[in-house]
Amino acid sequence: MMDSGGFLHSGDKLRNAVKWICEALGEGRDRKEVLIEAEFKFDLNPLECEFLNSKFLCENTEKN
């Protein structure tokens, strides 16, 4: 959701980033590179980056 200044709320940025990450991973792209690109593409703050890393990187290592 955009506020009156045209900026996305933090939750929307994160939601859009997760959607984009899932699509990119579905194309077979490298997980770590996708996460780094998403952090910049969606202008995520450090807490949001930590959340994504914990979900997407740790999840991958637990399955191996």
C-alpha atoms as a PDB file:
ATOM      1  CA  MET A   1       0.000   0.000   0.000  1.00  0.00           C
ATOM      2  CA  MET A   2       1.314   3.435  -0.877  1.00  0.00           C
ATOM      3  CA  ASP A   3       1.089   6.372   1.462  1.00  0.00           C
ATOM      4  CA  SER A   4       0.228   9.884   0.283  1.00  0.00           C
ATOM      5  CA  GLY A   5       3.849  10.504  -0.697  1.00  0.00           C
ATOM      6  CA  GLY A   6       3.895   7.560  -3.096  1.00  0.00           C
ATOM      7  CA  PHE A   7       6.175   5.418  -0.936  1.00  0.00           C
ATOM      8  CA  LEU A   8       5.499   1.778  -0.190  1.00  0.00           C
ATOM      9  CA  HIS A   9       4.946   0.819   3.414  1.00  0.00           C
ATOM     10  CA  SER A  10       7.579  -1.482   4.870  1.00  0.00           C
ATOM     11  CA  GLY A  11       5.269  -4.510   4.870  1.00  0.00           C
ATOM     12  CA  ASP A  12       4.487  -3.987   1.194  1.00  0.00           C
ATOM     13  CA  LYS A  13       8.183  -3.747   0.304  1.00  0.00           C
ATOM     14  CA  LEU A  14       8.870  -7.003   2.095  1.00  0.00           C
ATOM     15  CA  ARG A  15       5.851  -8.721   0.554  1.00  0.00           C
ATOM     16  CA  ASN A  16       6.885  -7.607  -2.932  1.00  0.00           C
ATOM     17  CA  ALA A  17      10.462  -8.719  -2.270  1.00  0.00           C
ATOM     18  CA  VAL A  18       9.353 -12.205  -1.183  1.00  0.00           C
ATOM     19  CA  LYS A  19       7.207 -12.539  -4.307  1.00  0.00           C
ATOM     20  CA  TRP A  20      10.082 -11.426  -6.527  1.00  0.00           C
ATOM     21  CA  ILE A  21      12.566 -13.729  -4.745  1.00  0.00           C
ATOM     22  CA  CYS A  22      10.280 -16.736  -5.198  1.00  0.00           C
ATOM     23  CA  GLU A  23       9.904 -15.972  -8.897  1.00  0.00           C
ATOM     24  CA  ALA A  24      13.670 -15.536  -9.335  1.00  0.00           C
ATOM     25  CA  LEU A  25      14.428 -18.770  -7.478  1.00  0.00           C
ATOM     26  CA  GLY A  26      11.831 -20.527  -9.629  1.00  0.00           C
ATOM     27  CA  GLU A  27      13.930 -19.523 -12.640  1.00  0.00           C
ATOM     28  CA  GLY A  28      16.880 -21.381 -11.108  1.00  0.00           C
ATOM     29  CA  ARG A  29      18.892 -18.317 -10.072  1.00  0.00           C
ATOM     30  CA  ASP A  30      21.483 -18.461  -7.292  1.00  0.00           C
ATOM     31  CA  ARG A  31      19.787 -18.014  -3.904  1.00  0.00           C
ATOM     32  CA  LYS A  32      22.404 -15.752  -2.314  1.00  0.00           C
ATOM     33  CA  GLU A  33      22.682 -13.489  -5.387  1.00  0.00           C
ATOM     34  CA  VAL A  34      18.893 -13.168  -5.553  1.00  0.00           C
ATOM     35  CA  LEU A  35      18.717 -12.129  -1.897  1.00  0.00           C
ATOM     36  CA  ILE A  36      21.424  -9.507  -2.324  1.00  0.00           C
ATOM     37  CA  GLU A  37      19.709  -8.105  -5.406  1.00  0.00           C
ATOM     38  CA  ALA A  38      16.343  -8.004  -3.619  1.00  0.00           C
ATOM     39  CA  GLU A  39      17.819  -6.050  -0.698  1.00  0.00           C
ATOM     40  CA  PHE A  40      18.791  -3.238  -3.061  1.00  0.00           C
ATOM     41  CA  LYS A  41      15.892  -3.525  -5.517  1.00  0.00           C
ATOM     42  CA  PHE A  42      13.295  -3.147  -2.763  1.00  0.00           C
ATOM     43  CA  ASP A  43      15.333  -0.818  -0.509  1.00  0.00           C
ATOM     44  CA  LEU A  44      14.977  -3.102   2.489  1.00  0.00           C
ATOM     45  CA  ASN A  45      16.171  -2.106   5.929  1.00  0.00           C
ATOM     46  CA  PRO A  46      18.630  -4.283   7.909  1.00  0.00           C
ATOM     47  CA  LEU A  47      15.877  -6.006   9.896  1.00  0.00           C
ATOM     48  CA  GLU A  48      13.997  -6.942   6.721  1.00  0.00           C
ATOM     49  CA  CYS A  49      17.244  -8.237   5.168  1.00  0.00           C
ATOM     50  CA  GLU A  50      17.942 -10.339   8.252  1.00  0.00           C
ATOM     51  CA  PHE A  51      14.431 -11.787   8.082  1.00  0.00           C
ATOM     52  CA  LEU A  52      14.812 -12.761   4.416  1.00  0.00           C
ATOM     53  CA  ASN A  53      18.248 -14.257   5.012  1.00  0.00           C
ATOM     54  CA  SER A  54      16.954 -16.301   7.942  1.00  0.00           C
ATOM     55  CA  LYS A  55      14.033 -17.623   5.907  1.00  0.00           C
ATOM     56  CA  PHE A  56      15.664 -18.221   2.544  1.00  0.00           C
ATOM     57  CA  LEU A  57      19.281 -19.055   3.416  1.00  0.00           C
ATOM     58  CA  CYS A  58      18.774 -21.045   6.615  1.00  0.00           C
ATOM     59  CA  GLU A  59      15.824 -22.898   5.093  1.00  0.00           C
ATOM     60  CA  ASN A  60      18.058 -24.008   2.234  1.00  0.00           C
ATOM     61  CA  THR A  61      20.878 -25.245   4.471  1.00  0.00           C
ATOM     62  CA  GLU A  62      18.491 -27.194   6.736  1.00  0.00           C
ATOM     63  CA  LYS A  63      17.226 -29.191   3.754  1.00  0.00           C
ATOM     64  CA  ASN A  64      20.723 -30.281   2.687  1.00  0.00           C
END
